[in-house]
Structure formats: structure tokens, C-alpha cells
Amino acid sequence: MRFFFTKADRILKRSEFLRLSNFGKKFQSQHFVAIFSPGLFQRTRLGVTVVRKVGNAAIRNRIKRLAREYFRLNRHMITGCWDINIIAKKTAAELSTGQAYRSLQHIFINISRGLSH
């Protein structure tokens, strides 16, 4: 199994984030919101959004790093090809690494099932 996270695995363009927010399904955990829809490419791609309200730059970057790392290590659990935008809630700022991973795991399991709440 290869663990990598290349530029092709990321959602980068504003238009792609807007497409997701307009047409994607939404799932929430205690600390994150996931908006997802079937992917346009032959791979699952990830975008991470952390607004200034969540914390300072160091905190926002840490949350993004944790989300990308969890995705990199666990993308094999996701069935199908999805475009996923993970949005951090304000409560995500105080999470330990383990707590963040558990919250993200909950989201990724539900995305694999294609659920929305």
C-alpha cells in the first residue's frame, strides 16, 4: 500500500469548492463538517477549510495538517471516488491528535457509505 498525498489529490480551485458546497451532501461530526459529492476524477480528492474564527495561523495550519495526514493514511478505507471538503468547527482548535483522528474517522466512514445528515 502506498501512502502519498500529491497535488492531484487536493481540491485547489475555488470553483471546485463552490461546486461542492452547492451540490454536495453534508455530514457533521462534533468538530468537523464534511461536504462531499461523487468525484469528477478517478481518485478521491480532499480540500480542507479552516476559517480565521477557529484560531490563529498556527492552529489553523495544524488542523489542516492533521486532516491531510489522516486522509493520506486512511484513504484506502473510502470506497468510491469522492471530492471531499473538510471544514473545521471552532471546537477543532482544542483537539489532540487522537481526538481529531477519531472525529475524522467518523466522517470518513459515513462518506464511504454515502450518508448525509
C-alpha atoms as a PDB file:
ATOM      1  CA  MET A   1       0.000   0.000   0.000  1.00  0.00           C
ATOM      2  CA  ARG A   2       1.331   3.411  -0.953  1.00  0.00           C
ATOM      3  CA  PHE A   3       0.783   6.412   1.272  1.00  0.00           C
ATOM      4  CA  PHE A   4       1.089   9.646  -0.657  1.00  0.00           C
ATOM      5  CA  PHE A   5      -0.684  12.962  -0.970  1.00  0.00           C
ATOM      6  CA  THR A   6       0.099  14.724  -4.228  1.00  0.00           C
ATOM      7  CA  LYS A   7      -1.280  17.920  -5.714  1.00  0.00           C
ATOM      8  CA  ALA A   8      -3.664  15.797  -7.805  1.00  0.00           C
ATOM      9  CA  ASP A   9      -5.197  14.510  -4.553  1.00  0.00           C
ATOM     10  CA  ARG A  10      -6.173  18.027  -3.441  1.00  0.00           C
ATOM     11  CA  ILE A  11      -9.096  20.269  -4.272  1.00  0.00           C
ATOM     12  CA  LEU A  12      -7.456  23.597  -5.031  1.00  0.00           C
ATOM     13  CA  LYS A  13      -9.735  25.745  -7.174  1.00  0.00           C
ATOM     14  CA  ARG A  14     -12.425  27.989  -5.745  1.00  0.00           C
ATOM     15  CA  SER A  15     -14.856  26.793  -8.428  1.00  0.00           C
ATOM     16  CA  GLU A  16     -14.443  23.211  -7.196  1.00  0.00           C
ATOM     17  CA  PHE A  17     -15.133  24.242  -3.581  1.00  0.00           C
ATOM     18  CA  LEU A  18     -18.224  26.162  -4.758  1.00  0.00           C
ATOM     19  CA  ARG A  19     -19.466  23.155  -6.772  1.00  0.00           C
ATOM     20  CA  LEU A  20     -19.131  21.019  -3.656  1.00  0.00           C
ATOM     21  CA  SER A  21     -20.959  23.484  -1.417  1.00  0.00           C
ATOM     22  CA  ASN A  22     -23.797  23.887  -3.936  1.00  0.00           C
ATOM     23  CA  PHE A  23     -24.306  20.251  -4.926  1.00  0.00           C
ATOM     24  CA  GLY A  24     -22.608  18.112  -2.284  1.00  0.00           C
ATOM     25  CA  LYS A  25     -24.059  16.163   0.611  1.00  0.00           C
ATOM     26  CA  LYS A  26     -23.220  17.330   4.110  1.00  0.00           C
ATOM     27  CA  PHE A  27     -22.237  15.316   7.150  1.00  0.00           C
ATOM     28  CA  GLN A  28     -21.306  16.751  10.548  1.00  0.00           C
ATOM     29  CA  SER A  29     -19.376  15.409  13.481  1.00  0.00           C
ATOM     30  CA  GLN A  30     -18.771  17.258  16.718  1.00  0.00           C
ATOM     31  CA  HIS A  31     -15.682  19.053  15.397  1.00  0.00           C
ATOM     32  CA  PHE A  32     -15.861  18.943  11.589  1.00  0.00           C
ATOM     33  CA  VAL A  33     -18.307  19.357   8.723  1.00  0.00           C
ATOM     34  CA  ALA A  34     -17.749  17.336   5.564  1.00  0.00           C
ATOM     35  CA  ILE A  35     -19.252  18.285   2.239  1.00  0.00           C
ATOM     36  CA  PHE A  36     -18.822  15.584  -0.362  1.00  0.00           C
ATOM     37  CA  SER A  37     -20.010  14.554  -3.790  1.00  0.00           C
ATOM     38  CA  PRO A  38     -19.002  11.936  -6.336  1.00  0.00           C
ATOM     39  CA  GLY A  39     -15.636  12.917  -7.774  1.00  0.00           C
ATOM     40  CA  LEU A  40     -15.039  14.122 -11.288  1.00  0.00           C
ATOM     41  CA  PHE A  41     -11.716  12.284 -11.444  1.00  0.00           C
ATOM     42  CA  GLN A  42     -10.626   8.686 -10.905  1.00  0.00           C
ATOM     43  CA  ARG A  43      -9.421   9.399  -7.375  1.00  0.00           C
ATOM     44  CA  THR A  44     -10.732  10.692  -4.071  1.00  0.00           C
ATOM     45  CA  ARG A  45      -9.655  14.295  -3.520  1.00  0.00           C
ATOM     46  CA  LEU A  46      -9.554  16.345  -0.348  1.00  0.00           C
ATOM     47  CA  GLY A  47      -9.950  20.032   0.417  1.00  0.00           C
ATOM     48  CA  VAL A  48      -9.606  21.455   3.923  1.00  0.00           C
ATOM     49  CA  THR A  49     -11.190  24.735   5.023  1.00  0.00           C
ATOM     50  CA  VAL A  50     -10.346  26.389   8.342  1.00  0.00           C
ATOM     51  CA  VAL A  51     -11.665  29.924   8.812  1.00  0.00           C
ATOM     52  CA  ARG A  52      -9.961  32.613  10.921  1.00  0.00           C
ATOM     53  CA  LYS A  53     -12.644  32.299  13.576  1.00  0.00           C
ATOM     54  CA  VAL A  54     -11.169  28.900  14.545  1.00  0.00           C
ATOM     55  CA  GLY A  55      -7.805  30.250  15.701  1.00  0.00           C
ATOM     56  CA  ASN A  56      -4.539  31.868  14.754  1.00  0.00           C
ATOM     57  CA  ALA A  57      -2.442  30.761  11.779  1.00  0.00           C
ATOM     58  CA  ALA A  58      -0.528  28.119  13.734  1.00  0.00           C
ATOM     59  CA  ILE A  59      -3.739  26.500  14.968  1.00  0.00           C
ATOM     60  CA  ARG A  60      -5.379  26.635  11.528  1.00  0.00           C
ATOM     61  CA  ASN A  61      -2.307  25.108   9.872  1.00  0.00           C
ATOM     62  CA  ARG A  62      -2.173  22.330  12.491  1.00  0.00           C
ATOM     63  CA  ILE A  63      -5.814  21.404  11.848  1.00  0.00           C
ATOM     64  CA  LYS A  64      -5.205  21.321   8.090  1.00  0.00           C
ATOM     65  CA  ARG A  65      -2.080  19.219   8.581  1.00  0.00           C
ATOM     66  CA  LEU A  66      -3.970  16.731  10.787  1.00  0.00           C
ATOM     67  CA  ALA A  67      -6.824  16.412   8.267  1.00  0.00           C
ATOM     68  CA  ARG A  68      -4.453  15.866   5.337  1.00  0.00           C
ATOM     69  CA  GLU A  69      -2.383  13.338   7.290  1.00  0.00           C
ATOM     70  CA  TYR A  70      -5.455  11.370   8.358  1.00  0.00           C
ATOM     71  CA  PHE A  71      -6.643  11.326   4.742  1.00  0.00           C
ATOM     72  CA  ARG A  72      -3.220  10.244   3.493  1.00  0.00           C
ATOM     73  CA  LEU A  73      -3.042   7.296   5.897  1.00  0.00           C
ATOM     74  CA  ASN A  74      -6.683   6.200   5.630  1.00  0.00           C
ATOM     75  CA  ARG A  75      -7.834   6.955   2.100  1.00  0.00           C
ATOM     76  CA  HIS A  76      -7.926   3.209   1.387  1.00  0.00           C
ATOM     77  CA  MET A  77     -10.947   2.964   3.730  1.00  0.00           C
ATOM     78  CA  ILE A  78     -13.021   5.227   1.485  1.00  0.00           C
ATOM     79  CA  THR A  79     -14.928   3.296  -1.136  1.00  0.00           C
ATOM     80  CA  GLY A  80     -15.549   5.024  -4.445  1.00  0.00           C
ATOM     81  CA  CYS A  81     -14.153   8.282  -5.796  1.00  0.00           C
ATOM     82  CA  TRP A  82     -15.259  11.369  -3.890  1.00  0.00           C
ATOM     83  CA  ASP A  83     -14.463  15.056  -3.717  1.00  0.00           C
ATOM     84  CA  ILE A  84     -14.443  15.930  -0.016  1.00  0.00           C
ATOM     85  CA  ASN A  85     -14.176  19.297   1.704  1.00  0.00           C
ATOM     86  CA  ILE A  86     -13.485  19.098   5.432  1.00  0.00           C
ATOM     87  CA  ILE A  87     -14.488  22.270   7.282  1.00  0.00           C
ATOM     88  CA  ALA A  88     -13.209  22.702  10.833  1.00  0.00           C
ATOM     89  CA  LYS A  89     -15.578  23.962  13.507  1.00  0.00           C
ATOM     90  CA  LYS A  90     -14.309  26.267  16.241  1.00  0.00           C
ATOM     91  CA  THR A  91     -14.123  23.321  18.679  1.00  0.00           C
ATOM     92  CA  ALA A  92     -11.467  21.663  16.491  1.00  0.00           C
ATOM     93  CA  ALA A  93      -8.846  24.100  17.811  1.00  0.00           C
ATOM     94  CA  GLU A  94      -8.583  22.327  21.189  1.00  0.00           C
ATOM     95  CA  LEU A  95      -8.374  18.763  19.852  1.00  0.00           C
ATOM     96  CA  SER A  96      -5.479  16.431  20.499  1.00  0.00           C
ATOM     97  CA  THR A  97      -4.213  14.471  17.510  1.00  0.00           C
ATOM     98  CA  GLY A  98      -6.054  11.325  18.629  1.00  0.00           C
ATOM     99  CA  GLN A  99      -9.329  13.182  19.145  1.00  0.00           C
ATOM    100  CA  ALA A 100      -9.062  14.813  15.715  1.00  0.00           C
ATOM    101  CA  TYR A 101      -8.367  11.441  14.075  1.00  0.00           C
ATOM    102  CA  ARG A 102     -11.393   9.839  15.805  1.00  0.00           C
ATOM    103  CA  SER A 103     -13.643  12.673  14.672  1.00  0.00           C
ATOM    104  CA  LEU A 104     -12.322  12.428  11.104  1.00  0.00           C
ATOM    105  CA  GLN A 105     -12.680   8.641  11.149  1.00  0.00           C
ATOM    106  CA  HIS A 106     -16.376   9.037  11.962  1.00  0.00           C
ATOM    107  CA  ILE A 107     -16.772  11.346   8.957  1.00  0.00           C
ATOM    108  CA  PHE A 108     -14.831   9.162   6.518  1.00  0.00           C
ATOM    109  CA  ILE A 109     -16.770   6.019   7.471  1.00  0.00           C
ATOM    110  CA  ASN A 110     -20.028   7.818   6.743  1.00  0.00           C
ATOM    111  CA  ILE A 111     -18.742   9.222   3.453  1.00  0.00           C
ATOM    112  CA  SER A 112     -17.850   5.677   2.378  1.00  0.00           C
ATOM    113  CA  ARG A 113     -21.457   4.738   2.993  1.00  0.00           C
ATOM    114  CA  GLY A 114     -22.605   7.834   1.087  1.00  0.00           C
ATOM    115  CA  LEU A 115     -24.677   9.048   4.016  1.00  0.00           C
ATOM    116  CA  SER A 116     -25.734  12.575   4.801  1.00  0.00           C
ATOM    117  CA  HIS A 117     -27.431  14.045   7.862  1.00  0.00           C
END
